[in-house]
PDB file of N, CA and C in Angstrom:
ATOM      1  N   MET A   1      94.683 132.751  54.973  1.00  0.00           N
ATOM      2  CA  MET A   1      95.317 131.660  54.128  1.00  0.00           C
ATOM      3  C   MET A   1      95.935 132.579  53.110  1.00  0.00           C
ATOM      4  N   ASP A   2      95.155 133.262  52.377  1.00  0.00           N
ATOM      5  CA  ASP A   2      95.699 133.812  50.767  1.00  0.00           C
ATOM      6  C   ASP A   2      96.694 134.664  51.360  1.00  0.00           C
ATOM      7  N   GLU A   3      97.239 135.671  52.642  1.00  0.00           N
ATOM      8  CA  GLU A   3      98.107 136.051  52.507  1.00  0.00           C
ATOM      9  C   GLU A   3      99.572 134.791  52.413  1.00  0.00           C
ATOM     10  N   LEU A   4      99.050 133.987  53.438  1.00  0.00           N
ATOM     11  CA  LEU A   4     100.168 132.933  53.208  1.00  0.00           C
ATOM     12  C   LEU A   4     100.637 132.344  51.818  1.00  0.00           C
ATOM     13  N   HIS A   5      99.436 131.733  51.495  1.00  0.00           N
ATOM     14  CA  HIS A   5      99.773 131.783  50.305  1.00  0.00           C
ATOM     15  C   HIS A   5     100.589 132.124  48.890  1.00  0.00           C
ATOM     16  N   ARG A   6     100.848 133.762  49.109  1.00  0.00           N
ATOM     17  CA  ARG A   6     101.028 134.936  48.619  1.00  0.00           C
ATOM     18  C   ARG A   6     102.546 135.238  48.992  1.00  0.00           C
ATOM     19  N   LEU A   7     102.926 134.883  49.879  1.00  0.00           N
ATOM     20  CA  LEU A   7     104.065 134.491  50.933  1.00  0.00           C
ATOM     21  C   LEU A   7     104.932 133.106  50.669  1.00  0.00           C
ATOM     22  N   GLY A   8     104.419 132.057  49.333  1.00  0.00           N
ATOM     23  CA  GLY A   8     104.991 131.111  49.161  1.00  0.00           C
ATOM     24  C   GLY A   8     104.525 130.001  49.549  1.00  0.00           C
ATOM     25  N   LEU A   9     103.548 129.654  50.717  1.00  0.00           N
ATOM     26  CA  LEU A   9     103.291 128.373  51.498  1.00  0.00           C
ATOM     27  C   LEU A   9     102.013 128.140  50.684  1.00  0.00           C
ATOM     28  N   PRO A  10     102.753 126.575  49.801  1.00  0.00           N
ATOM     29  CA  PRO A  10     101.711 125.719  49.451  1.00  0.00           C
ATOM     30  C   PRO A  10     100.188 125.382  50.027  1.00  0.00           C
ATOM     31  N   ALA A  11      99.744 125.186  48.959  1.00  0.00           N
ATOM     32  CA  ALA A  11      98.368 124.630  49.076  1.00  0.00           C
ATOM     33  C   ALA A  11      97.756 123.040  49.854  1.00  0.00           C
ATOM     34  N   LYS A  12      99.043 122.553  50.003  1.00  0.00           N
ATOM     35  CA  LYS A  12      99.099 121.195  50.965  1.00  0.00           C
ATOM     36  C   LYS A  12     100.252 121.374  51.479  1.00  0.00           C
ATOM     37  N   ALA A  13     100.706 122.399  52.464  1.00  0.00           N
ATOM     38  CA  ALA A  13     101.516 121.992  53.112  1.00  0.00           C
ATOM     39  C   ALA A  13     101.828 121.195  54.356  1.00  0.00           C
ATOM     40  N   ALA A  14     102.663 120.550  54.651  1.00  0.00           N
ATOM     41  CA  ALA A  14     103.246 119.501  55.394  1.00  0.00           C
ATOM     42  C   ALA A  14     102.995 119.970  57.075  1.00  0.00           C
ATOM     43  N   GLY A  15     103.145 121.077  57.526  1.00  0.00           N
ATOM     44  CA  GLY A  15     103.126 121.833  58.758  1.00  0.00           C
ATOM     45  C   GLY A  15     101.978 122.152  59.439  1.00  0.00           C
ATOM     46  N   GLN A  16     102.432 122.747  60.136  1.00  0.00           N
ATOM     47  CA  GLN A  16     100.800 123.443  61.166  1.00  0.00           C
ATOM     48  C   GLN A  16     100.975 124.558  60.801  1.00  0.00           C
ATOM     49  N   ILE A  17      99.371 125.423  61.246  1.00  0.00           N
ATOM     50  CA  ILE A  17      99.211 126.748  60.934  1.00  0.00           C
ATOM     51  C   ILE A  17      98.634 127.119  62.145  1.00  0.00           C
ATOM     52  N   TYR A  18      98.931 127.654  63.140  1.00  0.00           N
ATOM     53  CA  TYR A  18      98.315 128.559  64.061  1.00  0.00           C
ATOM     54  C   TYR A  18      97.639 130.310  63.943  1.00  0.00           C
ATOM     55  N   PHE A  19      96.568 130.076  64.377  1.00  0.00           N
ATOM     56  CA  PHE A  19      96.087 131.514  63.987  1.00  0.00           C
ATOM     57  C   PHE A  19      95.695 132.256  64.989  1.00  0.00           C
ATOM     58  N   THR A  20      96.014 133.623  65.366  1.00  0.00           N
ATOM     59  CA  THR A  20      95.053 134.002  66.392  1.00  0.00           C
ATOM     60  C   THR A  20      94.809 135.645  65.958  1.00  0.00           C
ATOM     61  N   ASP A  21      93.998 136.123  66.283  1.00  0.00           N
ATOM     62  CA  ASP A  21      92.502 136.699  66.557  1.00  0.00           C
ATOM     63  C   ASP A  21      92.200 137.936  67.293  1.00  0.00           C
ATOM     64  N   TRP A  22      92.601 138.758  67.458  1.00  0.00           N
ATOM     65  CA  TRP A  22      92.054 139.519  68.350  1.00  0.00           C
ATOM     66  C   TRP A  22      91.361 141.386  68.200  1.00  0.00           C
ATOM     67  N   GLU A  23      90.082 140.973  68.880  1.00  0.00           N
ATOM     68  CA  GLU A  23      89.565 142.593  68.243  1.00  0.00           C
ATOM     69  C   GLU A  23      89.644 143.474  69.258  1.00  0.00           C
ATOM     70  N   SER A  24      89.958 144.568  68.450  1.00  0.00           N
ATOM     71  CA  SER A  24      90.113 145.844  69.386  1.00  0.00           C
ATOM     72  C   SER A  24      88.587 147.035  69.518  1.00  0.00           C
ATOM     73  N   THR A  25      87.826 146.449  70.196  1.00  0.00           N
ATOM     74  CA  THR A  25      86.307 147.235  70.090  1.00  0.00           C
ATOM     75  C   THR A  25      86.129 148.710  69.796  1.00  0.00           C
ATOM     76  N   ALA A  26      87.512 148.830  70.782  1.00  0.00           N
ATOM     77  CA  ALA A  26      87.938 150.964  71.049  1.00  0.00           C
ATOM     78  C   ALA A  26      88.067 151.191  69.469  1.00  0.00           C
ATOM     79  N   SER A  27      88.949 150.458  68.797  1.00  0.00           N
ATOM     80  CA  SER A  27      89.504 150.825  67.248  1.00  0.00           C
ATOM     81  C   SER A  27      88.632 150.191  66.510  1.00  0.00           C
ATOM     82  N   GLY A  28      87.930 149.567  66.829  1.00  0.00           N
ATOM     83  CA  GLY A  28      87.141 148.825  65.179  1.00  0.00           C
ATOM     84  C   GLY A  28      87.248 147.837  64.403  1.00  0.00           C
ATOM     85  N   TRP A  29      88.713 147.299  65.092  1.00  0.00           N
ATOM     86  CA  TRP A  29      89.719 146.337  64.124  1.00  0.00           C
ATOM     87  C   TRP A  29      89.844 145.426  64.592  1.00  0.00           C
ATOM     88  N   SER A  30      90.554 144.275  63.802  1.00  0.00           N
ATOM     89  CA  SER A  30      91.045 143.339  64.343  1.00  0.00           C
ATOM     90  C   SER A  30      92.467 142.791  63.988  1.00  0.00           C
ATOM     91  N   LEU A  31      93.103 142.630  65.111  1.00  0.00           N
ATOM     92  CA  LEU A  31      94.159 141.857  64.806  1.00  0.00           C
ATOM     93  C   LEU A  31      94.620 140.800  64.303  1.00  0.00           C
ATOM     94  N   VAL A  32      95.310 140.232  63.752  1.00  0.00           N
ATOM     95  CA  VAL A  32      94.955 138.684  63.189  1.00  0.00           C
ATOM     96  C   VAL A  32      96.995 138.041  62.638  1.00  0.00           C
ATOM     97  N   SER A  33      96.665 136.818  63.267  1.00  0.00           N
ATOM     98  CA  SER A  33      98.166 136.604  62.812  1.00  0.00           C
ATOM     99  C   SER A  33      97.935 135.215  62.358  1.00  0.00           C
ATOM    100  N   ALA A  34      98.523 134.531  61.365  1.00  0.00           N
ATOM    101  CA  ALA A  34      98.773 133.177  60.921  1.00  0.00           C
ATOM    102  C   ALA A  34     100.300 132.877  60.662  1.00  0.00           C
ATOM    103  N   ASP A  35     100.914 131.828  61.359  1.00  0.00           N
ATOM    104  CA  ASP A  35     101.956 131.291  61.609  1.00  0.00           C
ATOM    105  C   ASP A  35     101.746 129.909  61.228  1.00  0.00           C
ATOM    106  N   TYR A  36     102.748 129.547  60.262  1.00  0.00           N
ATOM    107  CA  TYR A  36     103.225 127.984  59.472  1.00  0.00           C
ATOM    108  C   TYR A  36     104.207 127.466  60.082  1.00  0.00           C
ATOM    109  N   ASP A  37     104.854 126.572  60.607  1.00  0.00           N
ATOM    110  CA  ASP A  37     105.329 126.005  60.925  1.00  0.00           C
ATOM    111  C   ASP A  37     105.917 124.733  60.217  1.00  0.00           C
ATOM    112  N   HIS A  38     107.004 123.967  59.835  1.00  0.00           N
ATOM    113  CA  HIS A  38     107.512 122.270  59.663  1.00  0.00           C
ATOM    114  C   HIS A  38     108.765 122.070  60.507  1.00  0.00           C
ATOM    115  N   LEU A  39     109.049 121.288  61.194  1.00  0.00           N
ATOM    116  CA  LEU A  39     110.052 120.498  61.373  1.00  0.00           C
ATOM    117  C   LEU A  39     110.473 119.600  61.135  1.00  0.00           C
ATOM    118  N   ALA A  40     111.270 119.212  60.745  1.00  0.00           N
ATOM    119  CA  ALA A  40     112.036 118.463  59.958  1.00  0.00           C
ATOM    120  C   ALA A  40     113.762 118.194  60.612  1.00  0.00           C
ATOM    121  N   GLY A  41     113.846 117.262  61.533  1.00  0.00           N
ATOM    122  CA  GLY A  41     115.149 117.201  61.624  1.00  0.00           C
ATOM    123  C   GLY A  41     115.498 118.632  62.494  1.00  0.00           C
ATOM    124  N   ASP A  42     116.640 118.825  61.552  1.00  0.00           N
ATOM    125  CA  ASP A  42     117.545 120.050  62.280  1.00  0.00           C
ATOM    126  C   ASP A  42     116.822 121.545  61.280  1.00  0.00           C
ATOM    127  N   ASN A  43     115.759 121.052  60.588  1.00  0.00           N
ATOM    128  CA  ASN A  43     115.360 122.157  59.664  1.00  0.00           C
ATOM    129  C   ASN A  43     113.833 122.553  59.747  1.00  0.00           C
ATOM    130  N   LEU A  44     113.867 123.782  60.028  1.00  0.00           N
ATOM    131  CA  LEU A  44     112.397 124.234  60.388  1.00  0.00           C
ATOM    132  C   LEU A  44     112.190 125.252  59.200  1.00  0.00           C
ATOM    133  N   THR A  45     111.066 125.039  59.013  1.00  0.00           N
ATOM    134  CA  THR A  45     110.593 125.794  57.436  1.00  0.00           C
ATOM    135  C   THR A  45     109.185 126.445  58.327  1.00  0.00           C
ATOM    136  N   LEU A  46     109.206 128.091  58.275  1.00  0.00           N
ATOM    137  CA  LEU A  46     107.999 128.844  58.416  1.00  0.00           C
ATOM    138  C   LEU A  46     107.975 129.779  57.591  1.00  0.00           C
ATOM    139  N   CYS A  47     106.608 130.078  58.117  1.00  0.00           N
ATOM    140  CA  CYS A  47     106.120 131.175  56.879  1.00  0.00           C
ATOM    141  C   CYS A  47     104.823 131.989  57.444  1.00  0.00           C
ATOM    142  N   GLU A  48     105.008 133.589  58.512  1.00  0.00           N
ATOM    143  CA  GLU A  48     103.872 134.079  59.139  1.00  0.00           C
ATOM    144  C   GLU A  48     103.549 135.514  58.643  1.00  0.00           C
ATOM    145  N   VAL A  49     102.261 136.276  58.750  1.00  0.00           N
ATOM    146  CA  VAL A  49     101.760 137.465  58.407  1.00  0.00           C
ATOM    147  C   VAL A  49     101.259 137.856  59.848  1.00  0.00           C
ATOM    148  N   ILE A  50     101.311 138.658  59.940  1.00  0.00           N
ATOM    149  CA  ILE A  50     100.513 139.830  60.827  1.00  0.00           C
ATOM    150  C   ILE A  50     100.187 140.770  60.480  1.00  0.00           C
ATOM    151  N   ALA A  51      98.417 140.468  60.528  1.00  0.00           N
ATOM    152  CA  ALA A  51      97.924 142.090  59.532  1.00  0.00           C
ATOM    153  C   ALA A  51      96.587 142.674  60.736  1.00  0.00           C
ATOM    154  N   ILE A  52      96.681 143.673  60.652  1.00  0.00           N
ATOM    155  CA  ILE A  52      95.370 144.001  60.954  1.00  0.00           C
ATOM    156  C   ILE A  52      93.740 144.342  59.691  1.00  0.00           C
ATOM    157  N   ILE A  53      92.911 144.142  60.439  1.00  0.00           N
ATOM    158  CA  ILE A  53      91.805 144.024  59.433  1.00  0.00           C
ATOM    159  C   ILE A  53      90.675 144.860  59.669  1.00  0.00           C
ATOM    160  N   ASP A  54      90.458 146.064  58.966  1.00  0.00           N
ATOM    161  CA  ASP A  54      89.646 147.246  59.818  1.00  0.00           C
ATOM    162  C   ASP A  54      88.312 146.327  58.798  1.00  0.00           C
ATOM    163  N   GLN A  55      87.299 147.495  59.358  1.00  0.00           N
ATOM    164  CA  GLN A  55      85.933 147.731  59.098  1.00  0.00           C
ATOM    165  C   GLN A  55      85.167 147.294  58.269  1.00  0.00           C
ATOM    166  N   SER A  56      85.683 147.592  57.194  1.00  0.00           N
ATOM    167  CA  SER A  56      85.497 146.791  55.891  1.00  0.00           C
ATOM    168  C   SER A  56      86.097 145.803  55.370  1.00  0.00           C
ATOM    169  N   SER A  57      86.921 145.043  56.178  1.00  0.00           N
ATOM    170  CA  SER A  57      87.224 143.887  55.582  1.00  0.00           C
ATOM    171  C   SER A  57      88.636 144.045  55.144  1.00  0.00           C
ATOM    172  N   HIS A  58      89.079 145.278  54.391  1.00  0.00           N
ATOM    173  CA  HIS A  58      90.747 145.532  54.202  1.00  0.00           C
ATOM    174  C   HIS A  58      91.634 144.931  55.229  1.00  0.00           C
ATOM    175  N   ILE A  59      92.211 144.190  54.066  1.00  0.00           N
ATOM    176  CA  ILE A  59      93.987 143.679  55.171  1.00  0.00           C
ATOM    177  C   ILE A  59      94.904 144.632  55.070  1.00  0.00           C
ATOM    178  N   HIS A  60      95.793 145.357  55.814  1.00  0.00           N
ATOM    179  CA  HIS A  60      96.769 145.624  56.112  1.00  0.00           C
ATOM    180  C   HIS A  60      97.745 144.690  56.899  1.00  0.00           C
ATOM    181  N   ILE A  61      99.077 144.585  55.938  1.00  0.00           N
ATOM    182  CA  ILE A  61      99.787 143.700  56.768  1.00  0.00           C
ATOM    183  C   ILE A  61     100.923 144.636  57.151  1.00  0.00           C
ATOM    184  N   LEU A  62     101.738 144.017  58.967  1.00  0.00           N
ATOM    185  CA  LEU A  62     102.177 144.734  59.633  1.00  0.00           C
ATOM    186  C   LEU A  62     103.431 143.784  59.624  1.00  0.00           C
ATOM    187  N   ARG A  63     103.700 142.798  59.654  1.00  0.00           N
ATOM    188  CA  ARG A  63     104.888 142.221  59.443  1.00  0.00           C
ATOM    189  C   ARG A  63     104.328 140.760  58.370  1.00  0.00           C
ATOM    190  N   LYS A  64     105.503 140.588  57.738  1.00  0.00           N
ATOM    191  CA  LYS A  64     105.490 139.337  57.307  1.00  0.00           C
ATOM    192  C   LYS A  64     107.066 138.944  56.934  1.00  0.00           C
ATOM    193  N   VAL A  65     106.950 137.482  56.663  1.00  0.00           N
ATOM    194  CA  VAL A  65     107.497 136.482  56.634  1.00  0.00           C
ATOM    195  C   VAL A  65     107.788 135.570  55.638  1.00  0.00           C
ATOM    196  N   PRO A  66     108.249 135.965  54.657  1.00  0.00           N
ATOM    197  CA  PRO A  66     108.081 134.849  53.581  1.00  0.00           C
ATOM    198  C   PRO A  66     108.612 133.258  53.631  1.00  0.00           C
ATOM    199  N   LEU A  67     107.844 132.361  53.029  1.00  0.00           N
ATOM    200  CA  LEU A  67     108.057 131.003  53.350  1.00  0.00           C
ATOM    201  C   LEU A  67     109.879 130.376  53.173  1.00  0.00           C
ATOM    202  N   GLN A  68     110.594 130.017  54.351  1.00  0.00           N
ATOM    203  CA  GLN A  68     112.085 130.034  54.131  1.00  0.00           C
ATOM    204  C   GLN A  68     112.272 128.490  55.226  1.00  0.00           C
ATOM    205  N   LYS A  69     113.399 128.441  54.585  1.00  0.00           N
ATOM    206  CA  LYS A  69     114.052 126.840  55.857  1.00  0.00           C
ATOM    207  C   LYS A  69     114.966 127.844  56.560  1.00  0.00           C
ATOM    208  N   THR A  70     115.221 127.132  57.973  1.00  0.00           N
ATOM    209  CA  THR A  70     116.179 127.842  58.504  1.00  0.00           C
ATOM    210  C   THR A  70     116.485 126.353  59.237  1.00  0.00           C
ATOM    211  N   SER A  71     117.706 126.633  60.597  1.00  0.00           N
ATOM    212  CA  SER A  71     117.747 125.758  60.854  1.00  0.00           C
ATOM    213  C   SER A  71     117.526 126.041  62.551  1.00  0.00           C
ATOM    214  N   THR A  72     117.213 124.861  63.298  1.00  0.00           N
ATOM    215  CA  THR A  72     116.756 125.012  64.357  1.00  0.00           C
ATOM    216  C   THR A  72     117.612 125.225  65.650  1.00  0.00           C
ATOM    217  N   GLU A  73     119.377 125.425  64.971  1.00  0.00           N
ATOM    218  CA  GLU A  73     119.614 125.286  65.771  1.00  0.00           C
ATOM    219  C   GLU A  73     120.483 127.249  65.605  1.00  0.00           C
ATOM    220  N   LYS A  74     120.536 127.313  65.075  1.00  0.00           N
ATOM    221  CA  LYS A  74     120.809 128.897  64.715  1.00  0.00           C
ATOM    222  C   LYS A  74     119.994 129.421  63.792  1.00  0.00           C
ATOM    223  N   SER A  75     118.618 129.765  63.896  1.00  0.00           N
ATOM    224  CA  SER A  75     117.471 130.609  62.942  1.00  0.00           C
ATOM    225  C   SER A  75     118.194 131.933  62.590  1.00  0.00           C
ATOM    226  N   GLU A  76     118.368 132.263  61.091  1.00  0.00           N
ATOM    227  CA  GLU A  76     118.544 133.530  60.848  1.00  0.00           C
ATOM    228  C   GLU A  76     117.703 134.535  59.700  1.00  0.00           C
ATOM    229  N   VAL A  77     116.339 134.250  61.266  1.00  0.00           N
ATOM    230  CA  VAL A  77     114.634 134.618  60.561  1.00  0.00           C
ATOM    231  C   VAL A  77     114.209 135.214  61.476  1.00  0.00           C
ATOM    232  N   THR A  78     114.373 136.457  61.232  1.00  0.00           N
ATOM    233  CA  THR A  78     113.360 137.291  62.132  1.00  0.00           C
ATOM    234  C   THR A  78     111.691 136.744  62.401  1.00  0.00           C
ATOM    235  N   THR A  79     111.072 136.619  63.341  1.00  0.00           N
ATOM    236  CA  THR A  79     110.021 135.881  64.001  1.00  0.00           C
ATOM    237  C   THR A  79     109.229 136.971  64.043  1.00  0.00           C
ATOM    238  N   TRP A  80     107.877 137.092  64.635  1.00  0.00           N
ATOM    239  CA  TRP A  80     107.276 137.936  65.201  1.00  0.00           C
ATOM    240  C   TRP A  80     106.110 137.572  65.736  1.00  0.00           C
ATOM    241  N   SER A  81     105.655 137.886  66.782  1.00  0.00           N
ATOM    242  CA  SER A  81     104.400 137.646  67.951  1.00  0.00           C
ATOM    243  C   SER A  81     103.429 138.090  68.379  1.00  0.00           C
ATOM    244  N   PRO A  82     102.467 138.978  68.110  1.00  0.00           N
ATOM    245  CA  PRO A  82     101.709 139.786  69.005  1.00  0.00           C
ATOM    246  C   PRO A  82     101.492 139.261  70.435  1.00  0.00           C
ATOM    247  N   ILE A  83     102.188 140.697  71.054  1.00  0.00           N
ATOM    248  CA  ILE A  83     101.539 140.620  72.324  1.00  0.00           C
ATOM    249  C   ILE A  83     100.516 140.966  72.724  1.00  0.00           C
ATOM    250  N   GLY A  84     100.165 142.234  72.471  1.00  0.00           N
ATOM    251  CA  GLY A  84      99.046 142.767  73.393  1.00  0.00           C
ATOM    252  C   GLY A  84      98.392 144.136  72.510  1.00  0.00           C
ATOM    253  N   LEU A  85      97.217 144.560  72.934  1.00  0.00           N
ATOM    254  CA  LEU A  85      97.083 146.038  72.291  1.00  0.00           C
ATOM    255  C   LEU A  85      96.426 146.591  73.786  1.00  0.00           C
ATOM    256  N   ALA A  86      97.425 147.956  73.220  1.00  0.00           N
ATOM    257  CA  ALA A  86      96.971 148.905  74.167  1.00  0.00           C
ATOM    258  C   ALA A  86      97.327 150.561  73.913  1.00  0.00           C
ATOM    259  N   ASP A  87      97.058 151.253  74.386  1.00  0.00           N
ATOM    260  CA  ASP A  87      97.441 152.549  74.271  1.00  0.00           C
ATOM    261  C   ASP A  87      98.741 152.984  75.038  1.00  0.00           C
ATOM    262  N   VAL A  88      99.474 152.869  73.869  1.00  0.00           N
ATOM    263  CA  VAL A  88     100.717 152.793  74.981  1.00  0.00           C
ATOM    264  C   VAL A  88     101.628 154.005  74.953  1.00  0.00           C
ATOM    265  N   ASP A  89     100.844 155.602  74.078  1.00  0.00           N
ATOM    266  CA  ASP A  89     101.667 156.094  74.247  1.00  0.00           C
ATOM    267  C   ASP A  89     100.799 157.861  74.253  1.00  0.00           C
ATOM    268  N   GLY A  90      99.399 157.096  75.011  1.00  0.00           N
ATOM    269  CA  GLY A  90      98.497 157.967  76.044  1.00  0.00           C
ATOM    270  C   GLY A  90      97.596 158.625  74.559  1.00  0.00           C
ATOM    271  N   ASP A  91      97.477 158.293  73.639  1.00  0.00           N
ATOM    272  CA  ASP A  91      97.375 159.801  72.540  1.00  0.00           C
ATOM    273  C   ASP A  91      95.442 158.919  72.379  1.00  0.00           C
ATOM    274  N   GLY A  92      95.477 157.776  72.933  1.00  0.00           N
ATOM    275  CA  GLY A  92      93.714 157.664  72.751  1.00  0.00           C
ATOM    276  C   GLY A  92      93.474 156.558  71.720  1.00  0.00           C
ATOM    277  N   GLN A  93      94.518 156.048  71.044  1.00  0.00           N
ATOM    278  CA  GLN A  93      94.382 155.164  69.760  1.00  0.00           C
ATOM    279  C   GLN A  93      95.113 154.010  70.337  1.00  0.00           C
ATOM    280  N   VAL A  94      94.629 152.679  70.002  1.00  0.00           N
ATOM    281  CA  VAL A  94      95.035 151.549  70.316  1.00  0.00           C
ATOM    282  C   VAL A  94      96.347 150.968  69.432  1.00  0.00           C
ATOM    283  N   ASP A  95      97.276 150.696  70.370  1.00  0.00           N
ATOM    284  CA  ASP A  95      98.505 150.179  69.706  1.00  0.00           C
ATOM    285  C   ASP A  95      98.918 148.609  69.549  1.00  0.00           C
ATOM    286  N   VAL A  96      99.363 148.069  68.903  1.00  0.00           N
ATOM    287  CA  VAL A  96      99.676 146.953  68.605  1.00  0.00           C
ATOM    288  C   VAL A  96     101.153 146.727  69.685  1.00  0.00           C
ATOM    289  N   ILE A  97     101.407 145.457  69.976  1.00  0.00           N
ATOM    290  CA  ILE A  97     102.571 145.350  70.838  1.00  0.00           C
ATOM    291  C   ILE A  97     103.047 143.801  70.126  1.00  0.00           C
ATOM    292  N   LEU A  98     104.298 143.906  69.983  1.00  0.00           N
ATOM    293  CA  LEU A  98     104.470 142.422  68.919  1.00  0.00           C
ATOM    294  C   LEU A  98     105.818 142.590  69.805  1.00  0.00           C
ATOM    295  N   GLU A  99     106.305 141.252  69.789  1.00  0.00           N
ATOM    296  CA  GLU A  99     107.604 140.426  70.020  1.00  0.00           C
ATOM    297  C   GLU A  99     108.455 140.234  68.696  1.00  0.00           C
ATOM    298  N   GLY A 100     109.750 141.006  68.471  1.00  0.00           N
ATOM    299  CA  GLY A 100     110.513 140.264  67.470  1.00  0.00           C
ATOM    300  C   GLY A 100     111.436 139.183  68.046  1.00  0.00           C
ATOM    301  N   ASP A 101     112.059 138.584  67.664  1.00  0.00           N
ATOM    302  CA  ASP A 101     112.904 137.328  67.477  1.00  0.00           C
ATOM    303  C   ASP A 101     113.758 136.972  66.525  1.00  0.00           C
ATOM    304  N   ALA A 102     114.548 137.072  67.053  1.00  0.00           N
ATOM    305  CA  ALA A 102     115.821 136.915  65.935  1.00  0.00           C
ATOM    306  C   ALA A 102     117.159 135.779  66.601  1.00  0.00           C
ATOM    307  N   TYR A 103     117.196 134.560  66.498  1.00  0.00           N
ATOM    308  CA  TYR A 103     118.001 133.874  66.683  1.00  0.00           C
ATOM    309  C   TYR A 103     118.127 133.875  69.106  1.00  0.00           C
ATOM    310  N   GLU A 104     118.878 134.748  69.743  1.00  0.00           N
ATOM    311  CA  GLU A 104     119.007 134.645  70.330  1.00  0.00           C
ATOM    312  C   GLU A 104     118.468 136.089  71.284  1.00  0.00           C
ATOM    313  N   ASP A 105     118.449 137.056  70.251  1.00  0.00           N
ATOM    314  CA  ASP A 105     118.179 138.282  70.219  1.00  0.00           C
ATOM    315  C   ASP A 105     116.421 138.561  70.676  1.00  0.00           C
ATOM    316  N   HIS A 106     116.233 139.549  71.566  1.00  0.00           N
ATOM    317  CA  HIS A 106     114.360 139.747  71.325  1.00  0.00           C
ATOM    318  C   HIS A 106     114.235 140.760  71.720  1.00  0.00           C
ATOM    319  N   TRP A 107     113.186 141.118  71.121  1.00  0.00           N
ATOM    320  CA  TRP A 107     112.973 142.385  71.543  1.00  0.00           C
ATOM    321  C   TRP A 107     111.054 143.088  71.452  1.00  0.00           C
ATOM    322  N   ILE A 108     110.770 144.448  72.247  1.00  0.00           N
ATOM    323  CA  ILE A 108     109.518 144.494  72.160  1.00  0.00           C
ATOM    324  C   ILE A 108     108.990 145.695  71.176  1.00  0.00           C
ATOM    325  N   GLU A 109     108.646 145.957  69.940  1.00  0.00           N
ATOM    326  CA  GLU A 109     108.132 146.667  68.848  1.00  0.00           C
ATOM    327  C   GLU A 109     106.685 147.215  69.396  1.00  0.00           C
ATOM    328  N   VAL A 110     105.879 148.202  69.479  1.00  0.00           N
ATOM    329  CA  VAL A 110     105.142 149.313  69.698  1.00  0.00           C
ATOM    330  C   VAL A 110     104.808 149.523  67.730  1.00  0.00           C
ATOM    331  N   ASP A 111     103.715 149.635  67.605  1.00  0.00           N
ATOM    332  CA  ASP A 111     102.989 150.033  66.154  1.00  0.00           C
ATOM    333  C   ASP A 111     101.820 150.478  66.362  1.00  0.00           C
ATOM    334  N   THR A 112     101.631 151.708  65.851  1.00  0.00           N
ATOM    335  CA  THR A 112     100.308 152.584  66.614  1.00  0.00           C
ATOM    336  C   THR A 112      99.762 152.759  64.926  1.00  0.00           C
ATOM    337  N   VAL A 113      98.316 152.463  64.771  1.00  0.00           N
ATOM    338  CA  VAL A 113      97.805 151.765  64.015  1.00  0.00           C
ATOM    339  C   VAL A 113      96.616 153.012  63.471  1.00  0.00           C
ATOM    340  N   LYS A 114      96.645 154.258  62.372  1.00  0.00           N
ATOM    341  CA  LYS A 114      96.049 155.253  62.156  1.00  0.00           C
ATOM    342  C   LYS A 114      95.396 155.241  60.849  1.00  0.00           C
ATOM    343  N   GLY A 115      93.956 154.910  60.799  1.00  0.00           N
ATOM    344  CA  GLY A 115      93.288 154.857  60.102  1.00  0.00           C
ATOM    345  C   GLY A 115      93.897 153.320  59.094  1.00  0.00           C
ATOM    346  N   THR A 116      94.430 153.489  57.582  1.00  0.00           N
ATOM    347  CA  THR A 116      95.211 152.437  57.250  1.00  0.00           C
ATOM    348  C   THR A 116      96.229 152.982  57.177  1.00  0.00           C
ATOM    349  N   SER A 117      96.494 152.759  58.198  1.00  0.00           N
ATOM    350  CA  SER A 117      98.545 153.605  58.063  1.00  0.00           C
ATOM    351  C   SER A 117      99.094 152.984  59.708  1.00  0.00           C
ATOM    352  N   PHE A 118     100.539 152.701  58.934  1.00  0.00           N
ATOM    353  CA  PHE A 118     100.574 152.061  60.892  1.00  0.00           C
ATOM    354  C   PHE A 118     102.053 152.613  60.988  1.00  0.00           C
ATOM    355  N   HIS A 119     102.665 153.132  62.220  1.00  0.00           N
ATOM    356  CA  HIS A 119     104.034 152.935  62.204  1.00  0.00           C
ATOM    357  C   HIS A 119     104.458 152.441  63.216  1.00  0.00           C
ATOM    358  N   THR A 120     105.978 152.429  63.320  1.00  0.00           N
ATOM    359  CA  THR A 120     106.771 152.256  64.518  1.00  0.00           C
ATOM    360  C   THR A 120     106.644 153.043  65.664  1.00  0.00           C
ATOM    361  N   VAL A 121     106.472 152.977  67.005  1.00  0.00           N
ATOM    362  CA  VAL A 121     106.600 154.502  67.551  1.00  0.00           C
ATOM    363  C   VAL A 121     107.739 153.862  68.427  1.00  0.00           C
ATOM    364  N   PHE A 122     108.062 152.619  68.479  1.00  0.00           N
ATOM    365  CA  PHE A 122     108.735 152.153  69.861  1.00  0.00           C
ATOM    366  C   PHE A 122     109.477 150.944  69.360  1.00  0.00           C
ATOM    367  N   SER A 123     110.717 150.810  69.481  1.00  0.00           N
ATOM    368  CA  SER A 123     111.514 149.575  69.644  1.00  0.00           C
ATOM    369  C   SER A 123     112.473 149.490  70.372  1.00  0.00           C
ATOM    370  N   GLY A 124     112.648 148.153  71.467  1.00  0.00           N
ATOM    371  CA  GLY A 124     113.654 148.427  72.163  1.00  0.00           C
ATOM    372  C   GLY A 124     113.249 147.016  73.408  1.00  0.00           C
ATOM    373  N   LEU A 125     113.982 147.394  74.303  1.00  0.00           N
ATOM    374  CA  LEU A 125     114.209 146.401  75.406  1.00  0.00           C
ATOM    375  C   LEU A 125     114.355 145.224  74.952  1.00  0.00           C
ATOM    376  N   GLY A 126     115.398 145.089  73.978  1.00  0.00           N
ATOM    377  CA  GLY A 126     116.291 143.920  73.327  1.00  0.00           C
ATOM    378  C   GLY A 126     116.560 143.423  74.440  1.00  0.00           C
ATOM    379  N   TYR A 127     117.159 141.759  74.623  1.00  0.00           N
ATOM    380  CA  TYR A 127     117.810 141.013  75.571  1.00  0.00           C
ATOM    381  C   TYR A 127     118.297 139.901  74.675  1.00  0.00           C
ATOM    382  N   TYR A 128     119.254 139.417  75.290  1.00  0.00           N
ATOM    383  CA  TYR A 128     120.128 138.146  74.770  1.00  0.00           C
ATOM    384  C   TYR A 128     120.045 137.076  75.852  1.00  0.00           C
ATOM    385  N   LEU A 129     119.380 136.063  75.477  1.00  0.00           N
ATOM    386  CA  LEU A 129     119.424 135.006  75.772  1.00  0.00           C
ATOM    387  C   LEU A 129     120.596 134.027  75.861  1.00  0.00           C
TER     388      LEU A 129
END
């Protein structure tokens, strides 16, 4: 919640907040996401954060979307959703698999997490609806 507030979400926002929490026992950290949205007619207000929480309870932000309004017909905001944890590149480390969504474009990204740092090791397989 603190991260959403830092991104502009008011304390008494009218919409819903959805939380996801996946624990990786192999790595010792958790992947968490918080997504806020509020629909009013054709307008969507949203805010989101995806982060890793390490064993020392430190938060490391992977993706964030500051509070903003967009159209439900043609959103100009890229949103992110966690879709899995796996050792994607075979290096013995757990990676984070995310789906990116920008209007009609969708793709998969994989971030590797090593200690307190992370970087994208794969981005692709985009498709258009």
